[in-house]
Amino acid sequence: MNGRRQAPPDSTGGLLAGIDVGTTNTKVGMYTPTGIPVAQRKRPTPVDADDIVADALRDLGSCMEQAGAPPIAVGITGMAE
């Protein structure tokens, strides 16, 4: 080490993913850093928590397959219940 801070890995070309678990629908999407959608899924939100997680992961996998790459970051938002 030369005493300098190392720069973080270059992630300017990576895709970002978002998971929005709402009371009615769950939406999963992948986007460019400028916000252009690359892949999106939407389905009714199930009642059971395990089903919510399974559906979100399934849809994220589907989005990654469509996008042809994994995301460099995932943001998750959910209902406040």
PDB file of N, CA and C in Angstrom:
ATOM      1  N   MET A   1       0.850  -1.179   0.000  1.00  0.00           N
ATOM      2  CA  MET A   1       0.000   0.000   0.000  1.00  0.00           C
ATOM      3  C   MET A   1       0.894   1.240   0.000  1.00  0.00           C
ATOM      4  N   ASN A   2       0.488   2.228  -0.715  1.00  0.00           N
ATOM      5  CA  ASN A   2       1.270   3.451  -0.803  1.00  0.00           C
ATOM      6  C   ASN A   2       0.674   4.593   0.019  1.00  0.00           C
ATOM      7  N   GLY A   3      -0.273   4.307   0.890  1.00  0.00           N
ATOM      8  CA  GLY A   3      -0.870   5.334   1.714  1.00  0.00           C
ATOM      9  C   GLY A   3      -2.054   6.041   1.077  1.00  0.00           C
ATOM     10  N   ARG A   4      -2.278   5.802  -0.194  1.00  0.00           N
ATOM     11  CA  ARG A   4      -3.420   6.422  -0.873  1.00  0.00           C
ATOM     12  C   ARG A   4      -4.655   5.556  -0.722  1.00  0.00           C
ATOM     13  N   ARG A   5      -5.791   6.215  -0.680  1.00  0.00           N
ATOM     14  CA  ARG A   5      -7.048   5.458  -0.659  1.00  0.00           C
ATOM     15  C   ARG A   5      -7.271   4.860  -2.034  1.00  0.00           C
ATOM     16  N   GLN A   6      -7.708   3.634  -2.046  1.00  0.00           N
ATOM     17  CA  GLN A   6      -8.017   3.001  -3.319  1.00  0.00           C
ATOM     18  C   GLN A   6      -9.383   3.462  -3.787  1.00  0.00           C
ATOM     19  N   ALA A   7      -9.495   3.683  -5.068  1.00  0.00           N
ATOM     20  CA  ALA A   7     -10.785   4.058  -5.644  1.00  0.00           C
ATOM     21  C   ALA A   7     -11.695   2.845  -5.642  1.00  0.00           C
ATOM     22  N   PRO A   8     -12.991   3.066  -5.466  1.00  0.00           N
ATOM     23  CA  PRO A   8     -13.911   1.934  -5.546  1.00  0.00           C
ATOM     24  C   PRO A   8     -13.915   1.371  -6.956  1.00  0.00           C
ATOM     25  N   PRO A   9     -14.337   0.116  -7.113  1.00  0.00           N
ATOM     26  CA  PRO A   9     -14.405  -0.456  -8.452  1.00  0.00           C
ATOM     27  C   PRO A   9     -15.291   0.403  -9.347  1.00  0.00           C
ATOM     28  N   ASP A  10     -14.934   0.477 -10.614  1.00  0.00           N
ATOM     29  CA  ASP A  10     -15.725   1.253 -11.568  1.00  0.00           C
ATOM     30  C   ASP A  10     -17.059   0.563 -11.794  1.00  0.00           C
ATOM     31  N   SER A  11     -18.126   1.226 -11.418  1.00  0.00           N
ATOM     32  CA  SER A  11     -19.453   0.633 -11.567  1.00  0.00           C
ATOM     33  C   SER A  11     -20.341   1.479 -12.464  1.00  0.00           C
ATOM     34  N   THR A  12     -19.738   2.346 -13.255  1.00  0.00           N
ATOM     35  CA  THR A  12     -20.536   3.262 -14.059  1.00  0.00           C
ATOM     36  C   THR A  12     -21.351   2.548 -15.123  1.00  0.00           C
ATOM     37  N   GLY A  13     -20.932   1.372 -15.539  1.00  0.00           N
ATOM     38  CA  GLY A  13     -21.664   0.661 -16.576  1.00  0.00           C
ATOM     39  C   GLY A  13     -22.592  -0.399 -16.033  1.00  0.00           C
ATOM     40  N   GLY A  14     -22.655  -0.557 -14.717  1.00  0.00           N
ATOM     41  CA  GLY A  14     -23.470  -1.618 -14.137  1.00  0.00           C
ATOM     42  C   GLY A  14     -24.942  -1.271 -14.077  1.00  0.00           C
ATOM     43  N   LEU A  15     -25.741  -2.294 -13.904  1.00  0.00           N
ATOM     44  CA  LEU A  15     -27.187  -2.124 -13.782  1.00  0.00           C
ATOM     45  C   LEU A  15     -27.593  -2.084 -12.316  1.00  0.00           C
ATOM     46  N   LEU A  16     -28.667  -1.384 -12.043  1.00  0.00           N
ATOM     47  CA  LEU A  16     -29.213  -1.266 -10.695  1.00  0.00           C
ATOM     48  C   LEU A  16     -30.554  -1.970 -10.648  1.00  0.00           C
ATOM     49  N   ALA A  17     -30.869  -2.609  -9.533  1.00  0.00           N
ATOM     50  CA  ALA A  17     -32.153  -3.303  -9.387  1.00  0.00           C
ATOM     51  C   ALA A  17     -32.946  -2.672  -8.261  1.00  0.00           C
ATOM     52  N   GLY A  18     -34.255  -2.713  -8.409  1.00  0.00           N
ATOM     53  CA  GLY A  18     -35.145  -2.223  -7.373  1.00  0.00           C
ATOM     54  C   GLY A  18     -36.270  -3.213  -7.138  1.00  0.00           C
ATOM     55  N   ILE A  19     -36.625  -3.408  -5.879  1.00  0.00           N
ATOM     56  CA  ILE A  19     -37.745  -4.273  -5.497  1.00  0.00           C
ATOM     57  C   ILE A  19     -38.675  -3.435  -4.633  1.00  0.00           C
ATOM     58  N   ASP A  20     -39.922  -3.308  -5.076  1.00  0.00           N
ATOM     59  CA  ASP A  20     -40.927  -2.518  -4.362  1.00  0.00           C
ATOM     60  C   ASP A  20     -42.060  -3.448  -3.952  1.00  0.00           C
ATOM     61  N   VAL A  21     -42.132  -3.764  -2.662  1.00  0.00           N
ATOM     62  CA  VAL A  21     -43.185  -4.639  -2.144  1.00  0.00           C
ATOM     63  C   VAL A  21     -44.305  -3.752  -1.618  1.00  0.00           C
ATOM     64  N   GLY A  22     -45.387  -3.684  -2.360  1.00  0.00           N
ATOM     65  CA  GLY A  22     -46.528  -2.875  -1.961  1.00  0.00           C
ATOM     66  C   GLY A  22     -47.655  -3.737  -1.432  1.00  0.00           C
ATOM     67  N   THR A  23     -48.676  -3.109  -0.917  1.00  0.00           N
ATOM     68  CA  THR A  23     -49.807  -3.871  -0.382  1.00  0.00           C
ATOM     69  C   THR A  23     -50.605  -4.551  -1.483  1.00  0.00           C
ATOM     70  N   THR A  24     -50.589  -3.999  -2.689  1.00  0.00           N
ATOM     71  CA  THR A  24     -51.338  -4.578  -3.806  1.00  0.00           C
ATOM     72  C   THR A  24     -50.440  -5.342  -4.761  1.00  0.00           C
ATOM     73  N   ASN A  25     -49.336  -4.728  -5.175  1.00  0.00           N
ATOM     74  CA  ASN A  25     -48.433  -5.341  -6.146  1.00  0.00           C
ATOM     75  C   ASN A  25     -46.992  -5.275  -5.669  1.00  0.00           C
ATOM     76  N   THR A  26     -46.207  -6.233  -6.156  1.00  0.00           N
ATOM     77  CA  THR A  26     -44.760  -6.215  -5.976  1.00  0.00           C
ATOM     78  C   THR A  26     -44.151  -5.984  -7.343  1.00  0.00           C
ATOM     79  N   LYS A  27     -43.245  -5.004  -7.417  1.00  0.00           N
ATOM     80  CA  LYS A  27     -42.596  -4.675  -8.681  1.00  0.00           C
ATOM     81  C   LYS A  27     -41.093  -4.867  -8.536  1.00  0.00           C
ATOM     82  N   VAL A  28     -40.501  -5.467  -9.551  1.00  0.00           N
ATOM     83  CA  VAL A  28     -39.058  -5.678  -9.596  1.00  0.00           C
ATOM     84  C   VAL A  28     -38.577  -5.130 -10.928  1.00  0.00           C
ATOM     85  N   GLY A  29     -37.476  -4.395 -10.910  1.00  0.00           N
ATOM     86  CA  GLY A  29     -36.953  -3.856 -12.155  1.00  0.00           C
ATOM     87  C   GLY A  29     -35.453  -3.704 -12.118  1.00  0.00           C
ATOM     88  N   MET A  30     -34.878  -3.667 -13.317  1.00  0.00           N
ATOM     89  CA  MET A  30     -33.453  -3.379 -13.465  1.00  0.00           C
ATOM     90  C   MET A  30     -33.324  -2.191 -14.399  1.00  0.00           C
ATOM     91  N   TYR A  31     -32.378  -1.300 -14.047  1.00  0.00           N
ATOM     92  CA  TYR A  31     -32.261  -0.021 -14.730  1.00  0.00           C
ATOM     93  C   TYR A  31     -30.798   0.328 -14.964  1.00  0.00           C
ATOM     94  N   THR A  32     -30.562   1.163 -15.974  1.00  0.00           N
ATOM     95  CA  THR A  32     -29.228   1.714 -16.168  1.00  0.00           C
ATOM     96  C   THR A  32     -28.997   2.769 -15.090  1.00  0.00           C
ATOM     97  N   PRO A  33     -27.754   3.197 -14.886  1.00  0.00           N
ATOM     98  CA  PRO A  33     -27.501   4.244 -13.892  1.00  0.00           C
ATOM     99  C   PRO A  33     -28.235   5.558 -14.185  1.00  0.00           C
ATOM    100  N   THR A  34     -28.657   5.762 -15.424  1.00  0.00           N
ATOM    101  CA  THR A  34     -29.406   6.977 -15.762  1.00  0.00           C
ATOM    102  C   THR A  34     -30.910   6.779 -15.640  1.00  0.00           C
ATOM    103  N   GLY A  35     -31.344   5.588 -15.189  1.00  0.00           N
ATOM    104  CA  GLY A  35     -32.764   5.346 -14.936  1.00  0.00           C
ATOM    105  C   GLY A  35     -33.551   4.736 -16.071  1.00  0.00           C
ATOM    106  N   ILE A  36     -32.884   4.317 -17.118  1.00  0.00           N
ATOM    107  CA  ILE A  36     -33.587   3.690 -18.241  1.00  0.00           C
ATOM    108  C   ILE A  36     -33.916   2.248 -17.873  1.00  0.00           C
ATOM    109  N   PRO A  37     -35.205   1.851 -17.961  1.00  0.00           N
ATOM    110  CA  PRO A  37     -35.564   0.471 -17.618  1.00  0.00           C
ATOM    111  C   PRO A  37     -34.988  -0.530 -18.619  1.00  0.00           C
ATOM    112  N   VAL A  38     -34.465  -1.620 -18.081  1.00  0.00           N
ATOM    113  CA  VAL A  38     -33.918  -2.701 -18.898  1.00  0.00           C
ATOM    114  C   VAL A  38     -34.815  -3.932 -18.803  1.00  0.00           C
ATOM    115  N   ALA A  39     -35.385  -4.175 -17.632  1.00  0.00           N
ATOM    116  CA  ALA A  39     -36.282  -5.318 -17.413  1.00  0.00           C
ATOM    117  C   ALA A  39     -37.186  -4.988 -16.233  1.00  0.00           C
ATOM    118  N   GLN A  40     -38.446  -5.386 -16.339  1.00  0.00           N
ATOM    119  CA  GLN A  40     -39.396  -5.108 -15.258  1.00  0.00           C
ATOM    120  C   GLN A  40     -40.386  -6.254 -15.122  1.00  0.00           C
ATOM    121  N   ARG A  41     -40.807  -6.501 -13.891  1.00  0.00           N
ATOM    122  CA  ARG A  41     -41.842  -7.495 -13.585  1.00  0.00           C
ATOM    123  C   ARG A  41     -42.786  -6.893 -12.556  1.00  0.00           C
ATOM    124  N   LYS A  42     -44.042  -7.313 -12.621  1.00  0.00           N
ATOM    125  CA  LYS A  42     -45.049  -6.853 -11.657  1.00  0.00           C
ATOM    126  C   LYS A  42     -46.023  -7.993 -11.430  1.00  0.00           C
ATOM    127  N   ARG A  43     -46.363  -8.228 -10.169  1.00  0.00           N
ATOM    128  CA  ARG A  43     -47.333  -9.273  -9.825  1.00  0.00           C
ATOM    129  C   ARG A  43     -48.044  -8.884  -8.538  1.00  0.00           C
ATOM    130  N   PRO A  44     -49.230  -9.442  -8.315  1.00  0.00           N
ATOM    131  CA  PRO A  44     -49.926  -9.174  -7.052  1.00  0.00           C
ATOM    132  C   PRO A  44     -49.074  -9.646  -5.868  1.00  0.00           C
ATOM    133  N   THR A  45     -49.072  -8.869  -4.808  1.00  0.00           N
ATOM    134  CA  THR A  45     -48.319  -9.220  -3.606  1.00  0.00           C
ATOM    135  C   THR A  45     -49.070 -10.296  -2.828  1.00  0.00           C
ATOM    136  N   PRO A  46     -48.421 -11.441  -2.581  1.00  0.00           N
ATOM    137  CA  PRO A  46     -49.076 -12.473  -1.777  1.00  0.00           C
ATOM    138  C   PRO A  46     -49.164 -12.055  -0.308  1.00  0.00           C
ATOM    139  N   VAL A  47     -49.949 -12.784   0.452  1.00  0.00           N
ATOM    140  CA  VAL A  47     -50.128 -12.483   1.878  1.00  0.00           C
ATOM    141  C   VAL A  47     -48.977 -13.048   2.706  1.00  0.00           C
ATOM    142  N   ASP A  48     -48.523 -14.242   2.375  1.00  0.00           N
ATOM    143  CA  ASP A  48     -47.491 -14.938   3.145  1.00  0.00           C
ATOM    144  C   ASP A  48     -46.105 -14.342   2.882  1.00  0.00           C
ATOM    145  N   ALA A  49     -45.355 -14.058   3.946  1.00  0.00           N
ATOM    146  CA  ALA A  49     -44.031 -13.444   3.821  1.00  0.00           C
ATOM    147  C   ALA A  49     -43.067 -14.303   3.012  1.00  0.00           C
ATOM    148  N   ASP A  50     -43.089 -15.625   3.214  1.00  0.00           N
ATOM    149  CA  ASP A  50     -42.198 -16.504   2.451  1.00  0.00           C
ATOM    150  C   ASP A  50     -42.510 -16.436   0.960  1.00  0.00           C
ATOM    151  N   ASP A  51     -43.784 -16.318   0.622  1.00  0.00           N
ATOM    152  CA  ASP A  51     -44.179 -16.206  -0.787  1.00  0.00           C
ATOM    153  C   ASP A  51     -43.735 -14.869  -1.380  1.00  0.00           C
ATOM    154  N   ILE A  52     -43.776 -13.812  -0.578  1.00  0.00           N
ATOM    155  CA  ILE A  52     -43.308 -12.503  -1.050  1.00  0.00           C
ATOM    156  C   ILE A  52     -41.832 -12.589  -1.430  1.00  0.00           C
ATOM    157  N   VAL A  53     -41.025 -13.174  -0.552  1.00  0.00           N
ATOM    158  CA  VAL A  53     -39.587 -13.305  -0.809  1.00  0.00           C
ATOM    159  C   VAL A  53     -39.345 -14.186  -2.027  1.00  0.00           C
ATOM    160  N   ALA A  54     -40.022 -15.323  -2.101  1.00  0.00           N
ATOM    161  CA  ALA A  54     -39.836 -16.243  -3.228  1.00  0.00           C
ATOM    162  C   ALA A  54     -40.197 -15.573  -4.550  1.00  0.00           C
ATOM    163  N   ASP A  55     -41.321 -14.861  -4.579  1.00  0.00           N
ATOM    164  CA  ASP A  55     -41.735 -14.181  -5.810  1.00  0.00           C
ATOM    165  C   ASP A  55     -40.745 -13.091  -6.203  1.00  0.00           C
ATOM    166  N   ALA A  56     -40.286 -12.304  -5.228  1.00  0.00           N
ATOM    167  CA  ALA A  56     -39.343 -11.225  -5.527  1.00  0.00           C
ATOM    168  C   ALA A  56     -38.032 -11.788  -6.077  1.00  0.00           C
ATOM    169  N   LEU A  57     -37.536 -12.861  -5.481  1.00  0.00           N
ATOM    170  CA  LEU A  57     -36.295 -13.475  -5.966  1.00  0.00           C
ATOM    171  C   LEU A  57     -36.476 -14.089  -7.347  1.00  0.00           C
ATOM    172  N   ARG A  58     -37.615 -14.717  -7.564  1.00  0.00           N
ATOM    173  CA  ARG A  58     -37.913 -15.296  -8.876  1.00  0.00           C
ATOM    174  C   ARG A  58     -37.943 -14.190  -9.939  1.00  0.00           C
ATOM    175  N   ASP A  59     -38.625 -13.087  -9.627  1.00  0.00           N
ATOM    176  CA  ASP A  59     -38.721 -11.994 -10.589  1.00  0.00           C
ATOM    177  C   ASP A  59     -37.377 -11.300 -10.801  1.00  0.00           C
ATOM    178  N   LEU A  60     -36.573 -11.181  -9.750  1.00  0.00           N
ATOM    179  CA  LEU A  60     -35.239 -10.609  -9.910  1.00  0.00           C
ATOM    180  C   LEU A  60     -34.392 -11.494 -10.822  1.00  0.00           C
ATOM    181  N   GLY A  61     -34.479 -12.808 -10.638  1.00  0.00           N
ATOM    182  CA  GLY A  61     -33.760 -13.731 -11.516  1.00  0.00           C
ATOM    183  C   GLY A  61     -34.200 -13.599 -12.960  1.00  0.00           C
ATOM    184  N   SER A  62     -35.491 -13.445 -13.163  1.00  0.00           N
ATOM    185  CA  SER A  62     -36.025 -13.266 -14.510  1.00  0.00           C
ATOM    186  C   SER A  62     -35.524 -11.965 -15.133  1.00  0.00           C
ATOM    187  N   CYS A  63     -35.488 -10.906 -14.331  1.00  0.00           N
ATOM    188  CA  CYS A  63     -34.976  -9.626 -14.825  1.00  0.00           C
ATOM    189  C   CYS A  63     -33.491  -9.723 -15.165  1.00  0.00           C
ATOM    190  N   MET A  64     -32.716 -10.418 -14.330  1.00  0.00           N
ATOM    191  CA  MET A  64     -31.286 -10.580 -14.604  1.00  0.00           C
ATOM    192  C   MET A  64     -31.079 -11.358 -15.893  1.00  0.00           C
ATOM    193  N   GLU A  65     -31.898 -12.384 -16.104  1.00  0.00           N
ATOM    194  CA  GLU A  65     -31.792 -13.167 -17.336  1.00  0.00           C
ATOM    195  C   GLU A  65     -32.090 -12.291 -18.547  1.00  0.00           C
ATOM    196  N   GLN A  66     -33.142 -11.496 -18.462  1.00  0.00           N
ATOM    197  CA  GLN A  66     -33.500 -10.614 -19.572  1.00  0.00           C
ATOM    198  C   GLN A  66     -32.421  -9.558 -19.803  1.00  0.00           C
ATOM    199  N   ALA A  67     -31.871  -9.012 -18.723  1.00  0.00           N
ATOM    200  CA  ALA A  67     -30.854  -7.964 -18.838  1.00  0.00           C
ATOM    201  C   ALA A  67     -29.501  -8.518 -19.272  1.00  0.00           C
ATOM    202  N   GLY A  68     -29.263  -9.791 -19.002  1.00  0.00           N
ATOM    203  CA  GLY A  68     -28.002 -10.408 -19.376  1.00  0.00           C
ATOM    204  C   GLY A  68     -26.867 -10.134 -18.415  1.00  0.00           C
ATOM    205  N   ALA A  69     -27.195  -9.617 -17.225  1.00  0.00           N
ATOM    206  CA  ALA A  69     -26.156  -9.312 -16.237  1.00  0.00           C
ATOM    207  C   ALA A  69     -26.799  -9.157 -14.868  1.00  0.00           C
ATOM    208  N   PRO A  70     -26.028  -9.424 -13.815  1.00  0.00           N
ATOM    209  CA  PRO A  70     -26.547  -9.172 -12.465  1.00  0.00           C
ATOM    210  C   PRO A  70     -26.439  -7.681 -12.144  1.00  0.00           C
ATOM    211  N   PRO A  71     -27.213  -7.208 -11.174  1.00  0.00           N
ATOM    212  CA  PRO A  71     -27.093  -5.802 -10.781  1.00  0.00           C
ATOM    213  C   PRO A  71     -25.860  -5.575  -9.911  1.00  0.00           C
ATOM    214  N   ILE A  72     -25.389  -4.333  -9.903  1.00  0.00           N
ATOM    215  CA  ILE A  72     -24.277  -3.980  -9.014  1.00  0.00           C
ATOM    216  C   ILE A  72     -24.799  -3.556  -7.646  1.00  0.00           C
ATOM    217  N   ALA A  73     -26.106  -3.286  -7.562  1.00  0.00           N
ATOM    218  CA  ALA A  73     -26.732  -2.900  -6.295  1.00  0.00           C
ATOM    219  C   ALA A  73     -28.227  -3.181  -6.383  1.00  0.00           C
ATOM    220  N   VAL A  74     -28.832  -3.458  -5.226  1.00  0.00           N
ATOM    221  CA  VAL A  74     -30.273  -3.710  -5.155  1.00  0.00           C
ATOM    222  C   VAL A  74     -30.862  -2.819  -4.068  1.00  0.00           C
ATOM    223  N   GLY A  75     -31.905  -2.083  -4.423  1.00  0.00           N
ATOM    224  CA  GLY A  75     -32.641  -1.283  -3.452  1.00  0.00           C
ATOM    225  C   GLY A  75     -33.982  -1.947  -3.190  1.00  0.00           C
ATOM    226  N   ILE A  76     -34.382  -1.997  -1.930  1.00  0.00           N
ATOM    227  CA  ILE A  76     -35.636  -2.661  -1.563  1.00  0.00           C
ATOM    228  C   ILE A  76     -36.471  -1.707  -0.723  1.00  0.00           C
ATOM    229  N   THR A  77     -37.739  -1.607  -1.074  1.00  0.00           N
ATOM    230  CA  THR A  77     -38.669  -0.833  -0.270  1.00  0.00           C
ATOM    231  C   THR A  77     -39.896  -1.693  -0.026  1.00  0.00           C
ATOM    232  N   GLY A  78     -40.554  -1.462   1.081  1.00  0.00           N
ATOM    233  CA  GLY A  78     -41.715  -2.285   1.399  1.00  0.00           C
ATOM    234  C   GLY A  78     -42.748  -1.511   2.174  1.00  0.00           C
ATOM    235  N   MET A  79     -43.849  -2.188   2.399  1.00  0.00           N
ATOM    236  CA  MET A  79     -44.931  -1.578   3.152  1.00  0.00           C
ATOM    237  C   MET A  79     -44.524  -1.464   4.612  1.00  0.00           C
ATOM    238  N   ALA A  80     -45.046  -0.496   5.257  1.00  0.00           N
ATOM    239  CA  ALA A  80     -44.681  -0.243   6.651  1.00  0.00           C
ATOM    240  C   ALA A  80     -45.650  -0.942   7.593  1.00  0.00           C
ATOM    241  N   GLU A  81     -45.807  -2.214   7.397  1.00  0.00           N
ATOM    242  CA  GLU A  81     -46.734  -2.982   8.236  1.00  0.00           C
ATOM    243  C   GLU A  81     -46.004  -4.112   8.913  1.00  0.00           C
TER     244      GLU A  81
END
